[in-house]
Amino acid sequence: MADEPAEKPAAPAAEAQKKSSMLPVLLGVIVVLAIGIGGGLFLAGMMSGSEEDKPKEDPGASSAIDIKTTKEISIGDLITNVANQDGRRYVKLTCVVWMGAEDAASVTGSGGDGEIQVKRLMQMALEEQLKRYELADLTGRGIIAALTQDFTVVLEDVLHAQFPDRAKDHRFIRRVLLNNLLVQ
């Protein structure tokens, strides 16, 4: 009988030890879940990007091109050396321009020498603009949006010079599409 009272105090100590051994495991699970949720939210935020990283759209440019009133004109591949690289690196880019049907008819004409001359002037002006970009610019974020805006301005200037009878505020270019950017 003397043994019975001695065993009873040992039992509560064993229960306390079980409870305390569960506490670190429970805290470990909570910490791992918190790190997982925090990491997931961080990556989701990086993937979606912030509002300031997204390119700003030109308020005058519509998001949809009306096929009936516009025409696609392929400028072709633009190839030029990268600025400040001593001819060791080059950039290649494919450019397509959407213009109003009337303006496109003026540019393309009947498919003769006039079309070739205007398209070649447009291509040369775009290549000259592309030469101004340095390697860090061409490999940075948002380069396509920056090139699109710059090319739109350059093409408007070239076309206003070729067709001086048009009003100064007339917009020839509806959209500039760039793809296949290669920097080597």
C-alpha atoms as a PDB file:
ATOM      1  CA  MET A   1       0.000   0.000   0.000  1.00  0.00           C
ATOM      2  CA  ALA A   2       2.835   2.269   0.563  1.00  0.00           C
ATOM      3  CA  ASP A   3       3.660   1.920  -3.071  1.00  0.00           C
ATOM      4  CA  GLU A   4       0.334   3.255  -4.284  1.00  0.00           C
ATOM      5  CA  PRO A   5       0.652   6.865  -3.052  1.00  0.00           C
ATOM      6  CA  ALA A   6       4.149   7.077  -4.481  1.00  0.00           C
ATOM      7  CA  GLU A   7       2.924   6.108  -7.951  1.00  0.00           C
ATOM      8  CA  LYS A   8       0.146   8.682  -8.086  1.00  0.00           C
ATOM      9  CA  PRO A   9       2.444  11.728  -7.878  1.00  0.00           C
ATOM     10  CA  ALA A  10       4.593  10.261 -10.652  1.00  0.00           C
ATOM     11  CA  ALA A  11       1.609  10.045 -13.011  1.00  0.00           C
ATOM     12  CA  PRO A  12       0.863  13.820 -13.070  1.00  0.00           C
ATOM     13  CA  ALA A  13       4.538  14.508 -13.751  1.00  0.00           C
ATOM     14  CA  ALA A  14       4.410  12.158 -16.765  1.00  0.00           C
ATOM     15  CA  GLU A  15       1.291  13.937 -18.097  1.00  0.00           C
ATOM     16  CA  ALA A  16       2.973  17.315 -17.703  1.00  0.00           C
ATOM     17  CA  GLN A  17       5.994  16.006 -19.605  1.00  0.00           C
ATOM     18  CA  LYS A  18       3.707  14.780 -22.457  1.00  0.00           C
ATOM     19  CA  LYS A  19       1.984  18.180 -22.640  1.00  0.00           C
ATOM     20  CA  SER A  20       5.276  20.031 -22.711  1.00  0.00           C
ATOM     21  CA  SER A  21       6.652  17.729 -25.414  1.00  0.00           C
ATOM     22  CA  MET A  22       3.598  18.529 -27.621  1.00  0.00           C
ATOM     23  CA  LEU A  23       4.147  22.261 -27.291  1.00  0.00           C
ATOM     24  CA  PRO A  24       7.393  22.432 -29.369  1.00  0.00           C
ATOM     25  CA  VAL A  25       5.875  20.233 -32.080  1.00  0.00           C
ATOM     26  CA  LEU A  26       2.781  22.424 -32.236  1.00  0.00           C
ATOM     27  CA  LEU A  27       4.885  25.601 -32.378  1.00  0.00           C
ATOM     28  CA  GLY A  28       7.039  24.071 -35.114  1.00  0.00           C
ATOM     29  CA  VAL A  29       3.974  23.275 -37.243  1.00  0.00           C
ATOM     30  CA  ILE A  30       2.644  26.815 -36.785  1.00  0.00           C
ATOM     31  CA  VAL A  31       6.000  28.360 -37.780  1.00  0.00           C
ATOM     32  CA  VAL A  32       6.279  26.156 -40.886  1.00  0.00           C
ATOM     33  CA  LEU A  33       2.720  27.053 -41.949  1.00  0.00           C
ATOM     34  CA  ALA A  34       3.381  30.768 -41.403  1.00  0.00           C
ATOM     35  CA  ILE A  35       6.556  30.624 -43.499  1.00  0.00           C
ATOM     36  CA  GLY A  36       4.738  28.716 -46.254  1.00  0.00           C
ATOM     37  CA  ILE A  37       1.824  31.134 -46.372  1.00  0.00           C
ATOM     38  CA  GLY A  38       4.123  34.177 -46.251  1.00  0.00           C
ATOM     39  CA  GLY A  39       6.337  32.793 -49.023  1.00  0.00           C
ATOM     40  CA  GLY A  40       3.308  31.969 -51.159  1.00  0.00           C
ATOM     41  CA  LEU A  41       1.900  35.474 -50.789  1.00  0.00           C
ATOM     42  CA  PHE A  42       5.295  37.005 -51.570  1.00  0.00           C
ATOM     43  CA  LEU A  43       5.674  34.979 -54.770  1.00  0.00           C
ATOM     44  CA  ALA A  44       2.095  35.691 -55.810  1.00  0.00           C
ATOM     45  CA  GLY A  45       2.773  39.406 -55.389  1.00  0.00           C
ATOM     46  CA  MET A  46       5.943  39.189 -57.480  1.00  0.00           C
ATOM     47  CA  MET A  47       4.212  37.276 -60.260  1.00  0.00           C
ATOM     48  CA  SER A  48       1.343  39.716 -60.587  1.00  0.00           C
ATOM     49  CA  GLY A  49       3.610  42.802 -60.520  1.00  0.00           C
ATOM     50  CA  SER A  50       2.660  46.188 -59.214  1.00  0.00           C
ATOM     51  CA  GLU A  51       0.711  48.918 -60.959  1.00  0.00           C
ATOM     52  CA  GLU A  52       3.815  51.027 -61.538  1.00  0.00           C
ATOM     53  CA  ASP A  53       5.653  48.151 -63.276  1.00  0.00           C
ATOM     54  CA  LYS A  54       2.882  47.691 -65.817  1.00  0.00           C
ATOM     55  CA  PRO A  55       3.302  49.708 -69.019  1.00  0.00           C
ATOM     56  CA  LYS A  56       1.021  52.702 -69.327  1.00  0.00           C
ATOM     57  CA  GLU A  57      -1.294  52.569 -72.316  1.00  0.00           C
ATOM     58  CA  ASP A  58      -1.582  55.508 -74.621  1.00  0.00           C
ATOM     59  CA  PRO A  59      -5.005  57.051 -73.980  1.00  0.00           C
ATOM     60  CA  GLY A  60      -5.425  57.718 -77.716  1.00  0.00           C
ATOM     61  CA  ALA A  61      -4.741  54.113 -78.685  1.00  0.00           C
ATOM     62  CA  SER A  62      -7.688  51.791 -78.609  1.00  0.00           C
ATOM     63  CA  SER A  63      -7.218  48.313 -77.240  1.00  0.00           C
ATOM     64  CA  ALA A  64      -8.804  46.695 -80.283  1.00  0.00           C
ATOM     65  CA  ILE A  65      -7.869  47.236 -83.904  1.00  0.00           C
ATOM     66  CA  ASP A  66     -10.795  47.518 -86.299  1.00  0.00           C
ATOM     67  CA  ILE A  67      -9.886  45.372 -89.287  1.00  0.00           C
ATOM     68  CA  LYS A  68     -12.239  47.272 -91.613  1.00  0.00           C
ATOM     69  CA  THR A  69     -10.637  50.671 -91.050  1.00  0.00           C
ATOM     70  CA  THR A  70      -6.989  49.706 -90.509  1.00  0.00           C
ATOM     71  CA  LYS A  71      -4.320  47.949 -92.490  1.00  0.00           C
ATOM     72  CA  GLU A  72      -1.231  46.079 -91.358  1.00  0.00           C
ATOM     73  CA  ILE A  73       2.087  47.117 -92.896  1.00  0.00           C
ATOM     74  CA  SER A  74       5.119  44.988 -92.202  1.00  0.00           C
ATOM     75  CA  ILE A  75       8.274  47.034 -91.759  1.00  0.00           C
ATOM     76  CA  GLY A  76      10.300  43.843 -91.454  1.00  0.00           C
ATOM     77  CA  ASP A  77      13.368  43.053 -89.406  1.00  0.00           C
ATOM     78  CA  LEU A  78      15.303  45.936 -87.901  1.00  0.00           C
ATOM     79  CA  ILE A  79      18.964  45.064 -87.395  1.00  0.00           C
ATOM     80  CA  THR A  80      21.561  47.409 -85.954  1.00  0.00           C
ATOM     81  CA  ASN A  81      24.558  47.534 -83.638  1.00  0.00           C
ATOM     82  CA  VAL A  82      24.030  48.205 -79.942  1.00  0.00           C
ATOM     83  CA  ALA A  83      25.256  51.616 -78.768  1.00  0.00           C
ATOM     84  CA  ASN A  84      28.662  51.756 -77.017  1.00  0.00           C
ATOM     85  CA  GLN A  85      29.567  48.148 -77.846  1.00  0.00           C
ATOM     86  CA  ASP A  86      32.098  48.844 -80.633  1.00  0.00           C
ATOM     87  CA  GLY A  87      30.222  46.700 -83.132  1.00  0.00           C
ATOM     88  CA  ARG A  88      30.554  43.539 -81.040  1.00  0.00           C
ATOM     89  CA  ARG A  89      26.853  43.267 -80.211  1.00  0.00           C
ATOM     90  CA  TYR A  90      23.730  43.781 -82.270  1.00  0.00           C
ATOM     91  CA  VAL A  91      19.993  43.911 -81.836  1.00  0.00           C
ATOM     92  CA  LYS A  92      17.339  42.457 -84.127  1.00  0.00           C
ATOM     93  CA  LEU A  93      13.648  43.246 -83.896  1.00  0.00           C
ATOM     94  CA  THR A  94      10.591  42.581 -86.074  1.00  0.00           C
ATOM     95  CA  CYS A  95       8.183  45.487 -86.543  1.00  0.00           C
ATOM     96  CA  VAL A  96       4.610  45.667 -87.847  1.00  0.00           C
ATOM     97  CA  VAL A  97       2.614  48.890 -88.038  1.00  0.00           C
ATOM     98  CA  TRP A  98      -1.163  49.324 -88.092  1.00  0.00           C
ATOM     99  CA  MET A  99      -2.349  52.395 -89.974  1.00  0.00           C
ATOM    100  CA  GLY A 100      -5.677  53.763 -91.100  1.00  0.00           C
ATOM    101  CA  ALA A 101      -6.767  52.349 -94.458  1.00  0.00           C
ATOM    102  CA  GLU A 102      -6.457  55.737 -96.225  1.00  0.00           C
ATOM    103  CA  ASP A 103      -3.001  56.387 -94.780  1.00  0.00           C
ATOM    104  CA  ALA A 104      -1.870  52.880 -95.606  1.00  0.00           C
ATOM    105  CA  ALA A 105      -3.027  53.375 -99.190  1.00  0.00           C
ATOM    106  CA  SER A 106      -0.929  56.565 -99.332  1.00  0.00           C
ATOM    107  CA  VAL A 107       2.109  54.750 -97.965  1.00  0.00           C
ATOM    108  CA  THR A 108       1.785  51.606-100.049  1.00  0.00           C
ATOM    109  CA  GLY A 109       0.494  53.297-103.180  1.00  0.00           C
ATOM    110  CA  SER A 110       0.195  50.947-106.097  1.00  0.00           C
ATOM    111  CA  GLY A 111       3.037  48.749-104.890  1.00  0.00           C
ATOM    112  CA  GLY A 112       5.635  50.525-106.998  1.00  0.00           C
ATOM    113  CA  ASP A 113       8.724  52.512-106.120  1.00  0.00           C
ATOM    114  CA  GLY A 114       6.764  54.871-103.869  1.00  0.00           C
ATOM    115  CA  GLU A 115       5.889  52.076-101.468  1.00  0.00           C
ATOM    116  CA  ILE A 116       9.449  50.819-101.352  1.00  0.00           C
ATOM    117  CA  GLN A 117      10.805  54.320-100.749  1.00  0.00           C
ATOM    118  CA  VAL A 118       8.435  55.202 -97.897  1.00  0.00           C
ATOM    119  CA  LYS A 119       8.766  51.802 -96.215  1.00  0.00           C
ATOM    120  CA  ARG A 120      12.556  51.978 -96.520  1.00  0.00           C
ATOM    121  CA  LEU A 121      12.562  55.477 -95.011  1.00  0.00           C
ATOM    122  CA  MET A 122      10.429  54.182 -92.150  1.00  0.00           C
ATOM    123  CA  GLN A 123      12.780  51.232 -91.624  1.00  0.00           C
ATOM    124  CA  MET A 124      15.897  53.417 -91.701  1.00  0.00           C
ATOM    125  CA  ALA A 125      14.400  55.870 -89.196  1.00  0.00           C
ATOM    126  CA  LEU A 126      13.491  53.024 -86.839  1.00  0.00           C
ATOM    127  CA  GLU A 127      16.967  51.508 -87.113  1.00  0.00           C
ATOM    128  CA  GLU A 128      18.496  54.905 -86.299  1.00  0.00           C
ATOM    129  CA  GLN A 129      16.264  55.159 -83.233  1.00  0.00           C
ATOM    130  CA  LEU A 130      17.163  51.606 -82.200  1.00  0.00           C
ATOM    131  CA  LYS A 131      20.898  52.471 -82.420  1.00  0.00           C
ATOM    132  CA  ARG A 132      20.466  54.947 -79.578  1.00  0.00           C
ATOM    133  CA  TYR A 133      19.650  52.259 -77.028  1.00  0.00           C
ATOM    134  CA  GLU A 134      22.442  50.829 -74.904  1.00  0.00           C
ATOM    135  CA  LEU A 135      22.745  47.201 -73.845  1.00  0.00           C
ATOM    136  CA  ALA A 136      21.373  47.842 -70.349  1.00  0.00           C
ATOM    137  CA  ASP A 137      18.298  49.509 -71.864  1.00  0.00           C
ATOM    138  CA  LEU A 138      17.666  46.682 -74.312  1.00  0.00           C
ATOM    139  CA  THR A 139      17.842  44.009 -71.620  1.00  0.00           C
ATOM    140  CA  GLY A 140      15.829  45.937 -69.028  1.00  0.00           C
ATOM    141  CA  ARG A 141      12.208  45.630 -68.034  1.00  0.00           C
ATOM    142  CA  GLY A 142       9.616  47.378 -70.142  1.00  0.00           C
ATOM    143  CA  ILE A 143      11.820  47.756 -73.220  1.00  0.00           C
ATOM    144  CA  ILE A 144       9.071  46.707 -75.648  1.00  0.00           C
ATOM    145  CA  ALA A 145       6.714  49.370 -74.271  1.00  0.00           C
ATOM    146  CA  ALA A 146       9.459  52.017 -74.449  1.00  0.00           C
ATOM    147  CA  LEU A 147      10.412  51.032 -78.005  1.00  0.00           C
ATOM    148  CA  THR A 148       6.764  51.047 -79.070  1.00  0.00           C
ATOM    149  CA  GLN A 149       6.274  54.597 -77.805  1.00  0.00           C
ATOM    150  CA  ASP A 150       9.527  55.843 -79.343  1.00  0.00           C
ATOM    151  CA  PHE A 151       8.853  54.119 -82.665  1.00  0.00           C
ATOM    152  CA  THR A 152       5.380  55.633 -82.838  1.00  0.00           C
ATOM    153  CA  VAL A 153       6.837  59.135 -82.469  1.00  0.00           C
ATOM    154  CA  VAL A 154       9.587  58.461 -85.026  1.00  0.00           C
ATOM    155  CA  LEU A 155       7.168  57.007 -87.574  1.00  0.00           C
ATOM    156  CA  GLU A 156       4.760  59.917 -87.145  1.00  0.00           C
ATOM    157  CA  ASP A 157       7.640  62.337 -87.834  1.00  0.00           C
ATOM    158  CA  VAL A 158       8.770  60.432 -90.941  1.00  0.00           C
ATOM    159  CA  LEU A 159       5.261  60.177 -92.351  1.00  0.00           C
ATOM    160  CA  HIS A 160       4.497  63.860 -91.683  1.00  0.00           C
ATOM    161  CA  ALA A 161       7.694  64.725 -93.559  1.00  0.00           C
ATOM    162  CA  GLN A 162       6.648  62.527 -96.497  1.00  0.00           C
ATOM    163  CA  PHE A 163       3.051  63.756 -96.554  1.00  0.00           C
ATOM    164  CA  PRO A 164       3.164  67.461 -95.611  1.00  0.00           C
ATOM    165  CA  ASP A 165      -0.382  68.017 -96.890  1.00  0.00           C
ATOM    166  CA  ARG A 166      -1.778  66.247 -93.812  1.00  0.00           C
ATOM    167  CA  ALA A 167      -2.684  68.263 -90.717  1.00  0.00           C
ATOM    168  CA  LYS A 168      -0.007  68.502 -88.018  1.00  0.00           C
ATOM    169  CA  ASP A 169      -2.228  66.763 -85.481  1.00  0.00           C
ATOM    170  CA  HIS A 170      -3.125  63.900 -87.881  1.00  0.00           C
ATOM    171  CA  ARG A 171      -2.156  60.487 -86.500  1.00  0.00           C
ATOM    172  CA  PHE A 172      -0.884  58.051 -89.116  1.00  0.00           C
ATOM    173  CA  ILE A 173       0.011  55.217 -86.740  1.00  0.00           C
ATOM    174  CA  ARG A 174      -2.706  53.340 -84.886  1.00  0.00           C
ATOM    175  CA  ARG A 175      -0.428  50.758 -83.316  1.00  0.00           C
ATOM    176  CA  VAL A 176       3.162  49.516 -83.477  1.00  0.00           C
ATOM    177  CA  LEU A 177       3.688  45.821 -82.820  1.00  0.00           C
ATOM    178  CA  LEU A 178       7.163  44.575 -81.947  1.00  0.00           C
ATOM    179  CA  ASN A 179       8.311  41.000 -81.455  1.00  0.00           C
ATOM    180  CA  ASN A 180      11.326  38.724 -81.800  1.00  0.00           C
ATOM    181  CA  LEU A 181      13.632  41.027 -79.840  1.00  0.00           C
ATOM    182  CA  LEU A 182      17.103  39.518 -79.986  1.00  0.00           C
ATOM    183  CA  VAL A 183      20.192  41.078 -78.432  1.00  0.00           C
ATOM    184  CA  GLN A 184      23.507  39.367 -79.086  1.00  0.00           C
END
